[in-house]
Protein backbone atom coordinates (compact mmCIF):
# COMPACT_ATOMS: atom_id res chain seq x y z
CA UNK A 1 -38.43 -26.87 -34.15
CA UNK A 2 -37.88 -24.95 -30.90
CA UNK A 3 -41.19 -23.15 -31.32
CA UNK A 4 -43.02 -26.48 -31.64
CA UNK A 5 -41.25 -27.75 -28.51
CA UNK A 6 -42.30 -24.65 -26.58
CA UNK A 7 -45.89 -24.95 -27.78
CA UNK A 8 -46.03 -28.64 -26.87
CA UNK A 9 -44.72 -27.82 -23.37
CA UNK A 10 -47.31 -25.08 -22.94
CA UNK A 11 -50.11 -27.38 -24.08
CA UNK A 12 -48.97 -30.33 -21.93
CA UNK A 13 -50.58 -29.93 -18.49
CA UNK A 14 -48.54 -32.77 -16.97
CA UNK A 15 -45.21 -31.01 -17.65
CA UNK A 16 -46.62 -27.74 -16.42
CA UNK A 17 -47.70 -29.41 -13.17
CA UNK A 18 -44.25 -30.95 -12.68
CA UNK A 19 -42.63 -27.52 -13.09
CA UNK A 20 -44.88 -25.96 -10.46
CA UNK A 21 -44.24 -28.85 -8.07
CA UNK A 22 -40.48 -28.37 -8.39
CA UNK A 23 -40.84 -24.62 -7.77
CA UNK A 24 -43.08 -25.15 -4.76
CA UNK A 25 -40.72 -27.72 -3.32
CA UNK A 26 -37.71 -25.36 -3.63
CA UNK A 27 -39.72 -22.61 -1.95
CA UNK A 28 -40.72 -24.94 0.90
CA UNK A 29 -37.08 -26.01 1.43
CA UNK A 30 -35.88 -22.42 1.50
CA UNK A 31 -38.63 -21.43 3.91
CA UNK A 32 -37.86 -24.42 6.11
CA UNK A 33 -34.19 -23.37 6.28
CA UNK A 34 -35.13 -19.83 7.31
CA UNK A 35 -37.53 -21.16 9.95
CA UNK A 36 -34.83 -23.48 11.32
CA UNK A 37 -32.32 -20.62 11.54
CA UNK A 38 -34.90 -18.42 13.25
CA UNK A 39 -35.73 -21.20 15.72
CA UNK A 40 -32.02 -21.53 16.56
CA UNK A 41 -31.80 -17.81 17.42
CA UNK A 42 -35.09 -17.91 19.34
CA UNK A 43 -33.69 -20.59 21.62
CA UNK A 44 -30.76 -18.36 22.63
CA UNK A 45 -31.07 -16.21 25.77
CA UNK A 46 -31.20 -12.42 25.48
CA UNK A 47 -27.69 -11.98 26.88
CA UNK A 48 -26.16 -13.93 24.00
CA UNK A 49 -28.27 -12.10 21.42
CA UNK A 50 -27.22 -8.74 22.89
CA UNK A 51 -23.57 -9.87 22.80
CA UNK A 52 -23.98 -10.75 19.10
CA UNK A 53 -25.56 -7.39 18.32
CA UNK A 54 -22.77 -5.60 20.22
CA UNK A 55 -20.28 -6.79 17.59
CA UNK A 56 -22.34 -5.21 14.80
CA UNK A 57 -22.46 -1.59 13.75
CA UNK A 58 -25.24 0.53 15.22
CA UNK A 59 -27.02 0.75 11.87
CA UNK A 60 -26.99 -3.03 11.37
CA UNK A 61 -28.09 -3.66 14.96
CA UNK A 62 -31.10 -1.36 14.49
CA UNK A 63 -31.97 -3.12 11.22
CA UNK A 64 -31.98 -6.46 13.05
CA UNK A 65 -34.86 -5.18 15.20
CA UNK A 66 -37.31 -6.07 12.39
CA UNK A 67 -36.27 -9.73 12.57
CA UNK A 68 -38.96 -10.47 15.17
CA UNK A 69 -40.89 -8.78 17.96
CA UNK A 70 -38.41 -10.16 20.49
CA UNK A 71 -35.53 -8.37 18.73
CA UNK A 72 -37.30 -5.03 18.64
CA UNK A 73 -35.47 -3.37 21.58
CA UNK A 74 -32.45 -5.62 22.04
CA UNK A 75 -30.12 -3.14 20.30
CA UNK A 76 -30.76 -0.59 23.06
CA UNK A 77 -29.03 -2.86 25.59
CA UNK A 78 -25.88 -3.49 23.56
CA UNK A 79 -22.52 -2.59 25.10
CA UNK A 80 -20.87 -0.94 22.15
CA UNK A 81 -18.67 2.00 21.28
CA UNK A 82 -20.70 5.20 21.07
CA UNK A 83 -18.88 7.64 18.76
CA UNK A 84 -20.21 11.18 18.28
CA UNK A 85 -18.56 13.73 16.00
CA UNK A 86 -19.83 17.10 14.81
CA UNK A 87 -18.24 16.37 11.43
CA UNK A 88 -20.30 13.22 10.93
CA UNK A 89 -22.46 14.85 8.25
CA UNK A 90 -23.04 13.98 4.57
CA UNK A 91 -21.03 17.03 3.42
CA UNK A 92 -18.35 16.86 6.12
CA UNK A 93 -19.27 20.34 7.39
CA UNK A 94 -19.47 20.95 11.12
CA UNK A 95 -22.83 20.27 12.70
CA UNK A 96 -24.62 23.00 14.59
CA UNK A 97 -23.70 22.82 18.27
CA UNK A 98 -27.31 22.75 19.53
CA UNK A 99 -28.27 20.08 17.02
CA UNK A 100 -25.23 18.04 18.00
CA UNK A 101 -26.15 18.20 21.70
CA UNK A 102 -29.75 17.14 20.99
CA UNK A 103 -28.59 14.22 18.84
CA UNK A 104 -26.09 13.06 21.45
CA UNK A 105 -28.62 13.34 24.28
CA UNK A 106 -31.15 11.31 22.27
CA UNK A 107 -28.66 8.53 21.55
CA UNK A 108 -27.57 8.32 25.17
CA UNK A 109 -31.18 8.26 26.35
CA UNK A 110 -32.03 5.32 24.06
CA UNK A 111 -29.03 3.31 25.27
CA UNK A 112 -30.26 1.28 28.24
CA UNK A 113 -27.28 -1.01 28.72
CA UNK A 114 -25.63 -1.32 32.10
CA UNK A 115 -22.15 -1.28 30.54
CA UNK A 116 -20.54 0.70 27.76
CA UNK A 117 -17.44 -0.24 25.82
CA UNK A 118 -16.44 3.25 24.62
CA UNK A 119 -17.77 6.79 24.76
CA UNK A 120 -16.05 9.04 22.21
CA UNK A 121 -17.21 12.65 21.81
CA UNK A 122 -15.50 14.94 19.31
CA UNK A 123 -16.75 18.44 18.65
CA UNK A 124 -15.30 21.92 18.26
CA UNK A 125 -15.83 23.84 21.46
CA UNK A 126 -15.89 27.22 19.75
CA UNK A 127 -17.88 29.19 22.26
CA UNK A 128 -17.13 29.91 25.90
CA UNK A 129 -20.87 29.97 26.49
CA UNK A 130 -21.14 26.24 25.92
CA UNK A 131 -23.03 24.77 28.86
CA UNK A 132 -20.53 22.95 31.02
CA UNK A 133 -23.37 21.25 32.86
CA UNK A 134 -24.31 19.39 29.68
CA UNK A 135 -20.80 17.97 29.33
CA UNK A 136 -20.81 17.11 33.03
CA UNK A 137 -23.93 15.03 32.44
CA UNK A 138 -22.16 13.12 29.66
CA UNK A 139 -19.27 12.32 31.99
CA UNK A 140 -21.60 11.24 34.80
CA UNK A 141 -23.40 8.96 32.35
CA UNK A 142 -20.04 7.41 31.46
CA UNK A 143 -19.57 6.70 35.17
CA UNK A 144 -22.98 5.07 35.44
CA UNK A 145 -22.39 2.92 32.37
CA UNK A 146 -18.99 1.80 33.71
CA UNK A 147 -17.32 2.89 30.47
CA UNK A 148 -14.05 1.23 29.48
CA UNK A 149 -12.71 3.85 27.04
CA UNK A 150 -13.41 7.57 27.45
CA UNK A 151 -12.37 10.16 24.87
CA UNK A 152 -13.28 13.85 24.87
CA UNK A 153 -11.82 15.78 21.94
CA UNK A 154 -12.85 19.45 21.95
CA UNK A 155 -10.05 20.75 19.73
CA UNK A 156 -10.49 23.70 17.38
CA UNK A 157 -8.39 26.50 15.93
CA UNK A 158 -6.29 28.22 18.66
CA UNK A 159 -7.86 31.68 18.58
CA UNK A 160 -11.39 30.23 18.95
CA UNK A 161 -10.48 27.65 21.57
CA UNK A 162 -12.30 27.49 24.85
CA UNK A 163 -11.12 24.69 27.09
CA UNK A 164 -13.71 22.80 29.01
CA UNK A 165 -12.75 22.31 32.65
CA UNK A 166 -13.03 18.70 33.68
CA UNK A 167 -14.89 18.51 37.01
CA UNK A 168 -13.67 16.78 40.12
CA UNK A 169 -15.07 13.32 39.58
CA UNK A 170 -15.65 12.63 43.27
CA UNK A 171 -17.48 15.93 43.80
CA UNK A 172 -19.57 15.34 40.68
CA UNK A 173 -20.66 11.94 41.97
CA UNK A 174 -21.91 13.46 45.20
CA UNK A 175 -23.80 16.14 43.28
CA UNK A 176 -25.54 13.71 40.91
CA UNK A 177 -25.88 10.56 43.01
CA UNK A 178 -29.01 9.69 44.97
CA UNK A 179 -29.19 9.62 48.77
CA UNK A 180 -29.87 5.88 48.74
CA UNK A 181 -26.59 5.24 46.94
CA UNK A 182 -24.62 7.51 49.25
CA UNK A 183 -25.91 5.73 52.36
CA UNK A 184 -23.66 2.81 51.48
CA UNK A 185 -20.55 4.77 52.56
CA UNK A 186 -19.67 5.19 56.22
CA UNK A 187 -17.08 7.86 55.41
CA UNK A 188 -16.72 10.24 52.48
CA UNK A 189 -14.70 8.51 49.70
CA UNK A 190 -11.73 10.44 48.38
CA UNK A 191 -10.76 8.43 45.28
CA UNK A 192 -12.57 6.88 42.34
CA UNK A 193 -11.43 3.47 43.52
CA UNK A 194 -13.16 3.98 46.87
CA UNK A 195 -16.30 5.22 45.12
CA UNK A 196 -16.43 2.17 42.88
CA UNK A 197 -16.94 4.24 39.69
CA UNK A 198 -14.84 3.84 36.53
CA UNK A 199 -13.95 0.38 37.84
CA UNK A 200 -13.42 -0.94 34.29
CA UNK A 201 -11.81 2.20 32.85
CA UNK A 202 -8.89 1.33 30.58
CA UNK A 203 -8.32 4.34 28.32
CA UNK A 204 -8.64 8.07 28.95
CA UNK A 205 -7.98 10.59 26.16
CA UNK A 206 -8.63 14.29 26.77
CA UNK A 207 -7.87 16.88 24.08
CA UNK A 208 -8.21 20.59 24.88
CA UNK A 209 -9.76 19.73 28.21
CA UNK A 210 -8.33 21.43 31.29
CA UNK A 211 -7.93 18.88 34.03
CA UNK A 212 -6.45 19.35 37.48
CA UNK A 213 -3.67 17.23 38.91
CA UNK A 214 -5.95 15.67 41.52
CA UNK A 215 -8.37 14.43 38.85
CA UNK A 216 -5.53 12.95 36.81
CA UNK A 217 -4.36 11.09 39.90
CA UNK A 218 -7.93 9.84 40.39
CA UNK A 219 -7.81 8.31 36.91
CA UNK A 220 -4.43 6.76 37.61
CA UNK A 221 -5.89 5.14 40.73
CA UNK A 222 -8.31 3.14 38.56
CA UNK A 223 -7.32 -0.51 38.77
CA UNK A 224 -7.45 -1.29 35.02
CA UNK A 225 -6.05 1.92 33.49
CA UNK A 226 -3.89 1.10 30.45
CA UNK A 227 -3.63 4.34 28.47
CA UNK A 228 -3.67 7.99 29.53
CA UNK A 229 -3.50 10.90 27.09
CA UNK A 230 -3.75 14.59 28.06
CA UNK A 231 -3.32 17.29 25.40
CA UNK A 232 -3.71 21.02 25.71
CA UNK A 233 -4.62 21.17 29.40
CA UNK A 234 -4.19 24.54 31.11
CA UNK A 235 -4.76 23.23 34.64
CA UNK A 236 -2.20 20.42 34.75
CA UNK A 237 0.88 21.54 36.69
CA UNK A 238 2.51 18.78 38.76
CA UNK A 239 2.06 15.16 37.76
CA UNK A 240 3.33 11.99 39.35
CA UNK A 241 2.86 8.87 37.26
CA UNK A 242 4.33 6.35 39.67
CA UNK A 243 3.65 2.76 40.65
CA UNK A 244 1.58 0.88 41.55
CA UNK A 245 0.27 1.05 37.97
CA UNK A 246 0.18 -2.63 36.99
CA UNK A 247 -1.55 -2.18 33.62
CA UNK A 248 -0.42 1.25 32.40
CA UNK A 249 1.20 0.78 28.96
CA UNK A 250 0.87 4.14 27.15
CA UNK A 251 1.25 7.68 28.43
CA UNK A 252 1.05 11.01 26.58
CA UNK A 253 1.41 14.50 28.04
CA UNK A 254 1.38 17.12 25.28
CA UNK A 255 1.12 20.90 25.10
CA UNK A 256 0.32 21.45 28.79
CA UNK A 257 1.69 24.98 29.01
CA UNK A 258 1.57 25.37 32.77
CA UNK A 259 3.20 22.09 33.67
CA UNK A 260 6.05 22.52 36.15
CA UNK A 261 7.14 19.04 37.11
CA UNK A 262 6.60 15.53 35.83
CA UNK A 263 7.73 12.27 37.40
CA UNK A 264 7.32 9.01 35.49
CA UNK A 265 8.15 5.76 37.21
CA UNK A 266 6.07 2.83 35.99
CA UNK A 267 7.58 -0.60 35.57
CA UNK A 268 5.11 -1.76 32.91
CA UNK A 269 5.10 1.47 30.86
CA UNK A 270 5.94 0.69 27.20
CA UNK A 271 5.19 3.89 25.24
CA UNK A 272 5.59 7.52 26.36
CA UNK A 273 5.08 10.85 24.59
CA UNK A 274 6.02 14.22 26.02
CA UNK A 275 5.62 17.41 24.00
CA UNK A 276 5.91 20.87 25.44
CA UNK A 277 7.88 24.09 25.16
CA UNK A 278 8.27 24.45 28.93
CA UNK A 279 11.54 23.27 30.40
CA UNK A 280 11.09 20.71 33.15
CA UNK A 281 13.44 18.55 35.17
CA UNK A 282 14.35 15.05 34.07
CA UNK A 283 11.05 13.09 34.39
CA UNK A 284 12.07 9.46 33.78
CA UNK A 285 13.02 7.47 36.86
CA UNK A 286 12.47 3.70 36.79
CA UNK A 287 10.88 2.48 33.57
CA UNK A 288 12.53 -0.85 32.70
CA UNK A 289 10.05 -1.73 29.93
CA UNK A 290 9.99 1.64 28.15
CA UNK A 291 10.75 0.97 24.46
CA UNK A 292 8.78 3.65 22.52
CA UNK A 293 9.48 7.34 23.11
CA UNK A 294 8.41 10.63 21.48
CA UNK A 295 10.02 13.89 22.61
CA UNK A 296 9.60 17.53 21.66
CA UNK A 297 10.88 20.88 22.93
CA UNK A 298 13.61 21.36 25.56
CA UNK A 299 13.41 17.73 26.70
CA UNK A 300 14.11 16.61 23.14
CA UNK A 301 17.13 18.93 22.95
CA UNK A 302 18.34 17.57 26.27
CA UNK A 303 18.12 14.03 24.88
CA UNK A 304 20.33 15.02 21.92
CA UNK A 305 22.82 17.38 23.60
CA UNK A 306 22.95 15.87 27.09
CA UNK A 307 22.87 12.14 26.40
CA UNK A 308 24.38 11.20 29.76
CA UNK A 309 21.24 12.40 31.55
CA UNK A 310 19.20 9.87 29.55
CA UNK A 311 21.59 6.93 29.55
CA UNK A 312 19.53 5.04 32.16
CA UNK A 313 16.84 4.21 29.59
CA UNK A 314 18.05 5.24 26.10
CA UNK A 315 19.83 1.91 25.57
CA UNK A 316 16.49 0.01 25.76
CA UNK A 317 14.53 2.12 23.25
CA UNK A 318 13.39 0.42 20.03
CA UNK A 319 11.21 3.21 18.53
CA UNK A 320 12.21 6.87 18.86
CA UNK A 321 10.62 10.06 17.50
CA UNK A 322 12.52 13.34 17.99
CA UNK A 323 10.96 16.67 17.06
CA UNK A 324 13.76 19.24 16.80
CA UNK A 325 11.74 22.37 16.24
CA UNK A 326 12.71 26.03 16.74
CA UNK A 327 15.02 26.56 19.71
CA UNK A 328 15.17 29.50 22.11
CA UNK A 329 18.91 29.92 21.53
CA UNK A 330 21.44 29.13 18.83
CA UNK A 331 23.14 25.75 18.63
CA UNK A 332 26.59 26.16 17.09
CA UNK A 333 28.64 23.33 18.63
CA UNK A 334 27.88 19.67 18.07
CA UNK A 335 27.93 17.48 21.19
CA UNK A 336 30.92 15.21 21.64
CA UNK A 337 28.82 12.30 22.91
CA UNK A 338 25.82 10.63 21.31
CA UNK A 339 22.86 8.88 22.93
CA UNK A 340 23.21 5.17 23.60
CA UNK A 341 20.69 3.73 21.16
CA UNK A 342 21.90 0.15 21.06
CA UNK A 343 18.43 -1.45 20.70
CA UNK A 344 16.90 1.16 18.36
CA UNK A 345 15.24 -0.25 15.22
CA UNK A 346 13.05 2.69 14.12
CA UNK A 347 14.02 6.39 14.18
CA UNK A 348 11.91 9.37 13.08
CA UNK A 349 13.36 12.90 12.95
CA UNK A 350 11.05 15.89 12.56
CA UNK A 351 13.25 18.84 11.60
CA UNK A 352 12.65 22.56 11.12
CA UNK A 353 15.41 23.98 8.95
CA UNK A 354 16.40 26.40 6.23
CA UNK A 355 16.78 25.33 2.65
CA UNK A 356 20.40 24.24 1.93
CA UNK A 357 21.33 24.21 5.62
CA UNK A 358 23.53 21.16 6.23
CA UNK A 359 21.73 18.17 7.72
CA UNK A 360 24.86 16.08 8.37
CA UNK A 361 24.56 16.66 12.10
CA UNK A 362 21.89 13.96 12.29
CA UNK A 363 24.26 11.29 11.03
CA UNK A 364 25.72 11.14 14.55
CA UNK A 365 22.33 9.99 15.87
CA UNK A 366 22.04 7.47 13.07
CA UNK A 367 25.53 6.12 13.67
CA UNK A 368 24.80 5.55 17.36
CA UNK A 369 22.03 3.10 16.39
CA UNK A 370 23.80 -0.07 15.18
CA UNK A 371 20.55 -2.07 14.86
CA UNK A 372 18.58 0.63 13.03
CA UNK A 373 16.26 -0.79 10.35
CA UNK A 374 13.89 2.06 9.47
CA UNK A 375 14.75 5.76 9.20
CA UNK A 376 12.23 8.54 8.54
CA UNK A 377 13.12 12.23 8.20
CA UNK A 378 10.39 14.88 7.97
CA UNK A 379 11.61 18.35 7.01
CA UNK A 380 9.67 21.59 7.33
CA UNK A 381 11.56 24.56 5.91
CA UNK A 382 11.28 28.03 7.37
CA UNK A 383 10.71 31.12 5.27
CA UNK A 384 13.64 33.54 5.15
CA UNK A 385 11.79 36.61 3.96
CA UNK A 386 12.68 39.46 3.96
CA UNK A 387 16.47 38.79 3.96
CA UNK A 388 17.09 40.97 7.04
CA UNK A 389 15.56 38.17 9.16
CA UNK A 390 17.96 35.55 7.82
CA UNK A 391 20.37 35.83 10.77
CA UNK A 392 17.53 35.72 13.28
CA UNK A 393 16.16 32.53 11.70
CA UNK A 394 19.61 30.94 11.77
CA UNK A 395 19.80 31.60 15.51
CA UNK A 396 16.52 29.77 15.99
CA UNK A 397 17.79 26.49 14.54
CA UNK A 398 17.72 23.65 17.07
CA UNK A 399 20.80 21.94 15.64
CA UNK A 400 24.29 23.10 14.57
CA UNK A 401 25.47 23.18 10.98
CA UNK A 402 28.02 20.46 10.25
CA UNK A 403 29.70 20.63 6.85
CA UNK A 404 31.82 17.48 7.03
CA UNK A 405 31.85 14.17 8.82
CA UNK A 406 34.68 11.97 9.93
CA UNK A 407 35.42 8.95 7.78
CA UNK A 408 35.42 5.67 9.66
CA UNK A 409 34.78 2.01 9.06
CA UNK A 410 31.46 1.96 10.89
CA UNK A 411 28.61 0.48 8.84
CA UNK A 412 24.89 0.14 9.43
CA UNK A 413 24.30 -3.35 8.11
CA UNK A 414 20.64 -3.57 9.14
CA UNK A 415 19.28 -0.28 7.77
CA UNK A 416 16.87 -1.27 4.99
CA UNK A 417 14.25 1.50 4.60
CA UNK A 418 14.75 5.28 4.37
CA UNK A 419 11.93 7.86 4.05
CA UNK A 420 12.32 11.56 3.27
CA UNK A 421 9.15 13.64 3.71
CA UNK A 422 9.14 17.25 2.44
CA UNK A 423 11.89 16.75 -0.14
CA UNK A 424 12.48 19.85 -2.28
CA UNK A 425 15.64 18.83 -4.14
CA UNK A 426 18.15 20.95 -2.22
CA UNK A 427 21.87 20.19 -2.09
CA UNK A 428 21.74 19.50 1.66
CA UNK A 429 19.21 16.72 1.15
CA UNK A 430 21.30 15.15 -1.60
CA UNK A 431 24.44 15.32 0.56
CA UNK A 432 22.64 13.68 3.47
CA UNK A 433 21.39 10.79 1.36
CA UNK A 434 24.75 10.18 -0.30
CA UNK A 435 26.57 10.11 3.05
CA UNK A 436 23.87 7.85 4.38
CA UNK A 437 24.54 5.47 1.52
CA UNK A 438 28.21 5.30 2.50
CA UNK A 439 27.53 4.13 6.05
CA UNK A 440 24.48 1.99 5.13
CA UNK A 441 25.20 0.21 1.83
CA UNK A 442 22.46 -2.36 2.53
CA UNK A 443 19.57 0.09 1.95
CA UNK A 444 16.84 -1.69 0.01
CA UNK A 445 14.07 0.92 -0.24
CA UNK A 446 14.12 4.71 -0.45
CA UNK A 447 10.84 6.64 -0.29
CA UNK A 448 10.95 10.31 -1.30
CA UNK A 449 7.81 12.38 -0.78
CA UNK A 450 7.77 15.73 -2.59
CA UNK A 451 4.45 16.78 -1.09
CA UNK A 452 5.45 20.41 -0.69
CA UNK A 453 3.41 23.26 -2.01
CA UNK A 454 5.82 25.75 -3.50
CA UNK A 455 9.50 26.37 -4.16
CA UNK A 456 11.75 29.31 -4.99
CA UNK A 457 15.42 29.64 -5.82
CA UNK A 458 18.16 32.20 -5.32
CA UNK A 459 17.84 35.56 -6.96
CA UNK A 460 20.32 35.44 -9.87
CA UNK A 461 20.86 39.20 -9.92
CA UNK A 462 22.02 39.69 -6.32
CA UNK A 463 24.05 36.91 -4.75
CA UNK A 464 23.46 38.10 -1.20
CA UNK A 465 19.67 38.20 -1.63
CA UNK A 466 18.31 34.74 -0.96
CA UNK A 467 14.59 34.20 -0.76
CA UNK A 468 13.46 30.75 0.30
CA UNK A 469 9.73 30.29 0.23
CA UNK A 470 8.85 26.75 1.18
CA UNK A 471 6.24 25.71 3.66
CA UNK A 472 3.78 22.85 3.96
CA UNK A 473 0.32 24.09 3.14
CA UNK A 474 -2.89 22.41 2.09
CA UNK A 475 -3.95 24.68 -0.75
CA UNK A 476 -0.62 24.46 -2.58
CA UNK A 477 -0.78 28.11 -3.58
CA UNK A 478 1.46 31.06 -2.79
CA UNK A 479 1.07 34.60 -4.04
CA UNK A 480 4.27 36.60 -4.20
CA UNK A 481 4.38 40.35 -3.88
CA UNK A 482 4.43 42.37 -7.06
CA UNK A 483 7.97 43.67 -6.61
CA UNK A 484 9.27 40.10 -6.19
CA UNK A 485 7.77 38.45 -9.26
CA UNK A 486 10.59 39.54 -11.52
CA UNK A 487 13.32 38.52 -9.07
CA UNK A 488 12.60 34.84 -8.49
CA UNK A 489 11.27 32.05 -10.62
CA UNK A 490 8.78 29.84 -8.80
CA UNK A 491 9.65 26.19 -9.08
CA UNK A 492 7.13 23.39 -9.09
CA UNK A 493 6.91 19.98 -7.52
CA UNK A 494 8.13 18.47 -10.77
CA UNK A 495 11.55 20.08 -10.20
CA UNK A 496 11.91 18.15 -6.95
CA UNK A 497 10.88 14.94 -8.71
CA UNK A 498 13.48 15.64 -11.39
CA UNK A 499 16.22 16.09 -8.76
CA UNK A 500 15.12 12.88 -7.04
CA UNK A 501 15.35 10.93 -10.31
CA UNK A 502 18.89 12.26 -10.84
CA UNK A 503 19.77 11.18 -7.30
CA UNK A 504 18.44 7.69 -8.05
CA UNK A 505 21.41 7.01 -10.34
CA UNK A 506 23.82 7.34 -7.37
CA UNK A 507 22.25 4.35 -5.61
CA UNK A 508 22.75 0.70 -6.56
CA UNK A 509 20.43 -0.63 -9.23
CA UNK A 510 18.84 -3.13 -6.81
CA UNK A 511 17.72 -0.33 -4.47
CA UNK A 512 14.03 0.36 -4.91
CA UNK A 513 13.25 4.07 -5.32
CA UNK A 514 9.70 5.35 -4.77
CA UNK A 515 9.18 9.02 -5.66
CA UNK A 516 5.83 10.72 -5.16
C-alpha cells in the first residue's frame, strides 16, 4: 500500500511541483532573514561594530572578518585584553623564548586600536641575556595604547630567576617619543600624570620585576589606579602608599627582600597583603575602610603576639589570612592578650608545624572572633629527620605549644563552616577539632582534605626515635633510605581518611562531613 502511494507521488508531477515550491519558499524566507540581519549590521557605524567585536574572543572576532568585506579588518581595532603566555601551547610545555617574542611582536603589530583594555604577558625569564630593550618596547606600547590593566609575570624557579628591571617610565617616554610630541611641554614633566601617559591605568601587577621606589610612586600618581601588586622586587626599598589615592582598593607587597620601610595610609583601601621575611616598622596608619588583610613573616607574628600595636584597625577586619611559618626564634609563652577581631567573619590560618605538636594555641584567635562564620586551617608539616635535628626544628616553630585550654562559657554561635587542609590523622588535629566543637556547637559543615603525599609513624622499637616524614609534594612519592625501611611502616592517604571517618562519630549527626 505504501509502495503504491510512493509510486503515485513520484508519477504525479503536480505534487512534485508543490513540494519544490514549498522548499523554494522556505529557502527564500531564510535567505531574506539573513539579508535583513546583515542589513541591520551594515547600517551600524564602525565604532559600534568594533565595540561588539571587543566583547568577543580574539578567535571569534577574527572569524567574523569573513562576514563581509567591511568586517575584514575591524578586529584589528578592537580594545580587548591581550594575554600572552609561554605555556599557551597544545601540550602545555613552555614555548621557546625567541618564538614567543616573535609571536607577541606580531600580535601587537596587528593591533591598531588607540586603546587597550589589558596587556598581560607571562613568560619564564630564565636567561639574564634576555633583551631588556624588547620588554621596554612592550611597556612603551602599553603607554601608547593607554592600557587600563598591565600585568608582567616573569616568574620561574628561584635558581634560574633573572629579574627584569622596570625602566623609569618618564625617562623611557623621552627616549621613545618624537620631537613633535615633546614640543608640547614647556618644562620637563616629572610624573606620569604630567606626561599624560597611563591616564586610564587601573591595575598594575608585577611579578619578579625589579622596580624602583620612584617608579612605584609614578604609578600611584595615576588618577584611576585601583590595584597595585608587586612581588619579588629587588629594587623596592622605601614605599609610601599615602593619600590622595581616591580609587586605590587593593594593595599587595610580597617578597621584596630589600624593603626597609612601608607606610600605608589610604582611606579607600579595602584589601592589603604584605608578605616578607624582613622586619619592618608598623606600616598601617589611617585606613578606615581596610577589611581584608593577609600577613606573613615578622609582621604576622607581631599581629598575633603584639595585638595592641594593631588595635587601631584589627577591630574592623572581616577577612583575615595569617601565615605563621618558620620563626627566627622559639615561641614558648602564649600572649596574654588576643587581637580585637570583633567584625571578623572569615579566618584562614596557614601553619607550619610538627606532627602531633599541639595546635590548641590557635583557639585563642578563634575565640577572639565572636562573629566568625568560616574557618580554614592549612597545615604543612616539617620533616624531623634525622632525630638529632628535632630540637632545632622545635625552636623554629612560630607558635608555642599549649596542651590545655581554660574552660569558659564562651560560645561561637555563628561559626558554620570549618576546613582542614593537609589532614594526616594525628592526635593534635583530632584534639583541635573536638575542642572547636565545644566552643562552636553550631558547626554545620566540616571539610577535611587529606591531600598529602606520604605518612610515617613512630618507630615501635625505639621510643625516643621519632621519624615524621610528611610534606606536600606533587608526585606523591617518597623513597626512604635502605636502613630505614625496616624501622617504619609507610602509611597511606587511606589511613587519614579512616581516622577522619572515626572522628565523624564525635560530631552531631546533622553536621555534614566531607572527606577527600
